[in-house]
């Protein structure tokens, strides 16, 4: 099994009303990978940001970000450290 590495995931939410509950459900599914979470509401631009610190392997990150990336009005990017 591939070793877990430290990394982050950035999520931009443009359609909060239709996506928030779905995003929270996915994040709960993968909650054991999440070390920290910060949400920044966007009042004037109506764009919200969620930042996650994770400890996971590439397959786990791919599974989580893949599900999130399928949601309408949501963009997601991730990066993992090279050190396990």
C-alpha atoms as a PDB file:
ATOM      1  CA  UNK A   1       0.000   0.000   0.000  1.00  0.00           C
ATOM      2  CA  UNK A   2       1.217   3.470  -0.895  1.00  0.00           C
ATOM      3  CA  UNK A   3       2.317   5.608   2.058  1.00  0.00           C
ATOM      4  CA  UNK A   4       0.214   8.549   3.143  1.00  0.00           C
ATOM      5  CA  UNK A   5       1.593  12.034   2.585  1.00  0.00           C
ATOM      6  CA  UNK A   6       0.698  15.482   3.843  1.00  0.00           C
ATOM      7  CA  UNK A   7      -1.059  17.785   1.391  1.00  0.00           C
ATOM      8  CA  UNK A   8      -3.865  20.226   0.796  1.00  0.00           C
ATOM      9  CA  UNK A   9      -7.056  20.479  -1.208  1.00  0.00           C
ATOM     10  CA  UNK A  10      -8.583  23.755  -2.341  1.00  0.00           C
ATOM     11  CA  UNK A  11     -12.283  23.840  -3.221  1.00  0.00           C
ATOM     12  CA  UNK A  12     -13.988  26.809  -4.919  1.00  0.00           C
ATOM     13  CA  UNK A  13     -17.773  26.754  -4.600  1.00  0.00           C
ATOM     14  CA  UNK A  14     -19.681  28.988  -7.007  1.00  0.00           C
ATOM     15  CA  UNK A  15     -23.122  27.440  -6.506  1.00  0.00           C
ATOM     16  CA  UNK A  16     -23.421  27.055  -2.743  1.00  0.00           C
ATOM     17  CA  UNK A  17     -27.168  26.404  -2.604  1.00  0.00           C
ATOM     18  CA  UNK A  18     -26.983  23.349  -4.832  1.00  0.00           C
ATOM     19  CA  UNK A  19     -23.568  22.031  -3.740  1.00  0.00           C
ATOM     20  CA  UNK A  20     -23.031  22.653  -0.014  1.00  0.00           C
ATOM     21  CA  UNK A  21     -24.868  19.593   1.312  1.00  0.00           C
ATOM     22  CA  UNK A  22     -23.255  17.336  -1.305  1.00  0.00           C
ATOM     23  CA  UNK A  23     -19.765  18.645  -0.526  1.00  0.00           C
ATOM     24  CA  UNK A  24     -20.291  18.146   3.207  1.00  0.00           C
ATOM     25  CA  UNK A  25     -21.499  14.586   2.595  1.00  0.00           C
ATOM     26  CA  UNK A  26     -18.385  13.769   0.539  1.00  0.00           C
ATOM     27  CA  UNK A  27     -16.085  15.362   3.125  1.00  0.00           C
ATOM     28  CA  UNK A  28     -17.763  13.285   5.850  1.00  0.00           C
ATOM     29  CA  UNK A  29     -17.180  10.154   3.766  1.00  0.00           C
ATOM     30  CA  UNK A  30     -13.452  10.919   3.663  1.00  0.00           C
ATOM     31  CA  UNK A  31     -13.270  12.491   7.128  1.00  0.00           C
ATOM     32  CA  UNK A  32     -10.518  10.153   8.329  1.00  0.00           C
ATOM     33  CA  UNK A  33      -8.144  11.749   5.779  1.00  0.00           C
ATOM     34  CA  UNK A  34      -8.812  15.351   6.846  1.00  0.00           C
ATOM     35  CA  UNK A  35      -6.514  16.906   9.449  1.00  0.00           C
ATOM     36  CA  UNK A  36      -7.904  20.437   9.205  1.00  0.00           C
ATOM     37  CA  UNK A  37     -10.631  22.349   7.416  1.00  0.00           C
ATOM     38  CA  UNK A  38     -11.240  26.056   6.930  1.00  0.00           C
ATOM     39  CA  UNK A  39     -14.183  27.602   5.103  1.00  0.00           C
ATOM     40  CA  UNK A  40     -14.215  31.170   3.835  1.00  0.00           C
ATOM     41  CA  UNK A  41     -17.667  32.503   2.903  1.00  0.00           C
ATOM     42  CA  UNK A  42     -17.714  34.900  -0.026  1.00  0.00           C
ATOM     43  CA  UNK A  43     -20.244  37.586   0.682  1.00  0.00           C
ATOM     44  CA  UNK A  44     -19.705  40.076  -2.140  1.00  0.00           C
ATOM     45  CA  UNK A  45     -18.587  37.814  -5.002  1.00  0.00           C
ATOM     46  CA  UNK A  46     -20.786  34.854  -4.009  1.00  0.00           C
ATOM     47  CA  UNK A  47     -17.807  32.529  -4.267  1.00  0.00           C
ATOM     48  CA  UNK A  48     -16.928  30.382  -1.263  1.00  0.00           C
ATOM     49  CA  UNK A  49     -13.620  28.650  -0.553  1.00  0.00           C
ATOM     50  CA  UNK A  50     -12.895  25.522   1.451  1.00  0.00           C
ATOM     51  CA  UNK A  51      -9.311  24.657   2.308  1.00  0.00           C
ATOM     52  CA  UNK A  52      -8.401  21.203   3.606  1.00  0.00           C
ATOM     53  CA  UNK A  53      -5.191  19.843   5.083  1.00  0.00           C
ATOM     54  CA  UNK A  54      -5.055  16.097   4.462  1.00  0.00           C
ATOM     55  CA  UNK A  55      -2.905  13.057   5.125  1.00  0.00           C
ATOM     56  CA  UNK A  56      -3.608  10.526   2.389  1.00  0.00           C
ATOM     57  CA  UNK A  57      -2.191   8.632  -0.555  1.00  0.00           C
ATOM     58  CA  UNK A  58      -2.805   9.589  -4.178  1.00  0.00           C
ATOM     59  CA  UNK A  59      -5.606   7.062  -4.651  1.00  0.00           C
ATOM     60  CA  UNK A  60      -7.532   8.391  -1.661  1.00  0.00           C
ATOM     61  CA  UNK A  61      -7.070  12.009  -2.775  1.00  0.00           C
ATOM     62  CA  UNK A  62      -8.141  11.096  -6.297  1.00  0.00           C
ATOM     63  CA  UNK A  63     -11.292   9.397  -5.030  1.00  0.00           C
ATOM     64  CA  UNK A  64     -12.282  12.390  -2.896  1.00  0.00           C
ATOM     65  CA  UNK A  65     -11.431  15.122  -5.395  1.00  0.00           C
ATOM     66  CA  UNK A  66     -13.003  13.143  -8.222  1.00  0.00           C
ATOM     67  CA  UNK A  67     -16.364  13.057  -6.451  1.00  0.00           C
ATOM     68  CA  UNK A  68     -16.148  16.739  -5.509  1.00  0.00           C
ATOM     69  CA  UNK A  69     -15.093  17.754  -9.023  1.00  0.00           C
ATOM     70  CA  UNK A  70     -18.238  16.221 -10.511  1.00  0.00           C
ATOM     71  CA  UNK A  71     -20.468  18.670  -8.649  1.00  0.00           C
ATOM     72  CA  UNK A  72     -21.936  21.562 -10.629  1.00  0.00           C
ATOM     73  CA  UNK A  73     -20.374  24.946  -9.841  1.00  0.00           C
ATOM     74  CA  UNK A  74     -17.456  23.431  -7.893  1.00  0.00           C
ATOM     75  CA  UNK A  75     -13.746  23.453  -8.747  1.00  0.00           C
ATOM     76  CA  UNK A  76     -11.145  21.457  -6.836  1.00  0.00           C
ATOM     77  CA  UNK A  77      -7.335  21.258  -6.867  1.00  0.00           C
ATOM     78  CA  UNK A  78      -4.945  19.275  -4.706  1.00  0.00           C
ATOM     79  CA  UNK A  79      -1.270  18.920  -3.968  1.00  0.00           C
ATOM     80  CA  UNK A  80       0.650  16.370  -1.912  1.00  0.00           C
ATOM     81  CA  UNK A  81       4.131  16.586  -0.463  1.00  0.00           C
ATOM     82  CA  UNK A  82       6.812  14.354  -1.958  1.00  0.00           C
ATOM     83  CA  UNK A  83       7.823  13.135   1.490  1.00  0.00           C
ATOM     84  CA  UNK A  84       5.828  10.255   2.969  1.00  0.00           C
END
